[in-house]
Amino acid sequence: MKAISAVRTAAAPAPAGHYSQAVVHGGLVYVSGQLPLDPGSGVPLRGDAGAQTRAALANLAAILAAGGSSLERVLRTTVYVSDIALWGEVNAAYAQVFGAHRPARSVVPTRELHYGCLVEIDAIAAID
């Protein structure tokens, strides 16, 4: 039986509950939902949806690096957005960060996200 290992890095916000930033198993990194929080203080970024998307993806990238992967190795993301009317901004920032790489993606409109954030993103990635 292959071991499951937890990922922990100070370069991304600490978990606020009973979960890991990510877990590694079977050559994959499963990253928990990342909000646009400051990694050091855990304070939410107050900006537009594009800025919040870039911040959430920066946190995701830091966790991926700690787990032996990278944004270029992301297989799938789920993007939670507090208002689907923000989707254009979110999608533009997401495309800017991922560039030519186009992971599989689901978009889930929600009513509210924790701390009043506009975006939350989780991911599954292959290990480099």
Protein backbone atom coordinates (compact mmCIF):
# COMPACT_ATOMS: atom_id res chain seq x y z
CA MET A 1 0.00 0.00 0.00
CA LYS A 2 1.44 3.36 -1.05
CA ALA A 3 1.79 6.02 1.62
CA ILE A 4 -0.22 9.22 1.62
CA SER A 5 1.83 12.23 2.66
CA ALA A 6 0.64 15.67 3.69
CA VAL A 7 2.11 18.84 2.18
CA ARG A 8 2.82 21.82 4.42
CA THR A 9 4.49 25.07 3.40
CA ALA A 10 4.71 28.48 5.04
CA ALA A 11 4.64 29.98 1.52
CA ALA A 12 0.84 29.50 1.47
CA PRO A 13 -1.87 30.15 4.06
CA ALA A 14 -2.04 27.66 6.92
CA PRO A 15 -5.11 25.40 7.00
CA ALA A 16 -7.93 26.95 9.01
CA GLY A 17 -9.49 23.60 9.89
CA HIS A 18 -8.92 19.87 9.97
CA TYR A 19 -7.33 19.41 6.54
CA SER A 20 -3.96 19.57 4.78
CA GLN A 21 -2.87 22.17 2.28
CA ALA A 22 -2.44 19.18 -0.04
CA VAL A 23 -1.81 15.46 0.01
CA VAL A 24 0.44 13.43 -2.26
CA HIS A 25 -0.44 9.92 -3.36
CA GLY A 26 0.19 7.78 -6.40
CA GLY A 27 2.17 10.40 -8.33
CA LEU A 28 -0.48 13.10 -7.83
CA VAL A 29 -0.83 16.19 -5.64
CA TYR A 30 -4.36 16.99 -4.46
CA VAL A 31 -4.47 20.64 -3.38
CA SER A 32 -7.21 21.87 -1.07
CA GLY A 33 -9.24 24.91 -2.07
CA GLN A 34 -7.14 28.06 -1.99
CA LEU A 35 -8.57 31.45 -1.19
CA PRO A 36 -6.82 34.74 -1.95
CA LEU A 37 -5.27 34.99 1.51
CA ASP A 38 -1.93 36.48 2.48
CA PRO A 39 0.34 33.50 3.23
CA GLY A 40 1.90 35.10 6.31
CA SER A 41 -1.08 36.65 8.01
CA GLY A 42 -4.00 34.70 6.56
CA VAL A 43 -5.77 38.01 5.90
CA PRO A 44 -7.99 37.99 2.79
CA LEU A 45 -6.93 40.09 -0.18
CA ARG A 46 -9.51 42.77 -0.88
CA GLY A 47 -9.33 43.43 -4.58
CA ASP A 48 -11.21 42.74 -7.76
CA ALA A 49 -11.95 39.20 -8.96
CA GLY A 50 -8.88 39.17 -11.21
CA ALA A 51 -6.50 40.10 -8.38
CA GLN A 52 -8.14 37.55 -6.10
CA THR A 53 -7.80 34.85 -8.77
CA ARG A 54 -4.10 35.58 -9.22
CA ALA A 55 -3.57 35.49 -5.43
CA ALA A 56 -5.42 32.18 -5.04
CA LEU A 57 -3.35 30.71 -7.89
CA ALA A 58 -0.13 31.99 -6.29
CA ASN A 59 -1.05 30.13 -3.10
CA LEU A 60 -1.87 27.04 -5.16
CA ALA A 61 1.49 27.31 -6.97
CA ALA A 62 3.38 27.50 -3.66
CA ILE A 63 1.67 24.37 -2.38
CA LEU A 64 2.29 22.55 -5.66
CA ALA A 65 6.00 23.41 -5.45
CA ALA A 66 6.15 22.07 -1.89
CA GLY A 67 4.48 18.88 -3.12
CA GLY A 68 6.93 18.37 -6.00
CA SER A 69 4.76 19.74 -8.81
CA SER A 70 3.96 23.02 -10.58
CA LEU A 71 1.20 24.90 -12.35
CA GLU A 72 2.43 23.40 -15.64
CA ARG A 73 1.61 19.92 -14.26
CA VAL A 74 -1.96 20.73 -13.16
CA LEU A 75 -4.41 18.22 -14.58
CA ARG A 76 -7.67 19.62 -13.24
CA THR A 77 -8.98 22.59 -11.27
CA THR A 78 -12.28 23.51 -9.71
CA VAL A 79 -12.96 27.24 -9.56
CA TYR A 80 -15.61 28.46 -7.13
CA VAL A 81 -16.82 31.98 -7.87
CA SER A 82 -19.16 33.94 -5.61
CA ASP A 83 -20.99 35.57 -8.52
CA ILE A 84 -20.99 34.17 -12.05
CA ALA A 85 -21.10 37.76 -13.33
CA LEU A 86 -17.42 37.92 -12.26
CA TRP A 87 -16.51 35.05 -14.54
CA GLY A 88 -14.96 37.20 -17.28
CA GLU A 89 -12.47 38.73 -14.82
CA VAL A 90 -11.74 35.36 -13.21
CA ASN A 91 -11.23 33.62 -16.55
CA ALA A 92 -8.93 36.37 -17.87
CA ALA A 93 -6.69 36.22 -14.76
CA TYR A 94 -6.73 32.40 -14.81
CA ALA A 95 -5.67 32.40 -18.48
CA GLN A 96 -2.93 34.96 -17.74
CA VAL A 97 -1.47 32.74 -15.00
CA PHE A 98 -1.77 29.40 -16.83
CA GLY A 99 -0.75 30.75 -20.24
CA ALA A 100 -0.83 28.09 -22.96
CA HIS A 101 -1.45 25.30 -20.43
CA ARG A 102 -5.15 24.44 -20.27
CA PRO A 103 -5.98 21.99 -17.46
CA ALA A 104 -9.42 20.41 -17.32
CA ARG A 105 -11.65 22.72 -15.27
CA SER A 106 -15.01 22.96 -13.58
CA VAL A 107 -16.59 26.26 -12.60
CA VAL A 108 -18.99 26.31 -9.67
CA PRO A 109 -20.99 29.47 -8.98
CA THR A 110 -21.64 29.88 -5.26
CA ARG A 111 -23.46 32.39 -3.17
CA GLU A 112 -20.74 33.07 -0.62
CA LEU A 113 -17.17 32.02 0.03
CA HIS A 114 -15.29 32.09 3.31
CA TYR A 115 -14.13 35.53 4.52
CA GLY A 116 -16.18 37.18 1.78
CA CYS A 117 -13.68 36.15 -0.89
CA LEU A 118 -14.76 36.15 -4.52
CA VAL A 119 -12.80 33.08 -5.70
CA GLU A 120 -11.54 29.73 -4.38
CA ILE A 121 -9.54 27.25 -6.47
CA ASP A 122 -8.51 23.64 -5.86
CA ALA A 123 -6.40 21.41 -8.09
CA ILE A 124 -5.03 17.98 -8.91
CA ALA A 125 -1.56 17.88 -10.45
CA ALA A 126 1.02 15.33 -11.54
CA ILE A 127 4.33 15.24 -9.69
CA ASP A 128 7.34 16.41 -11.73
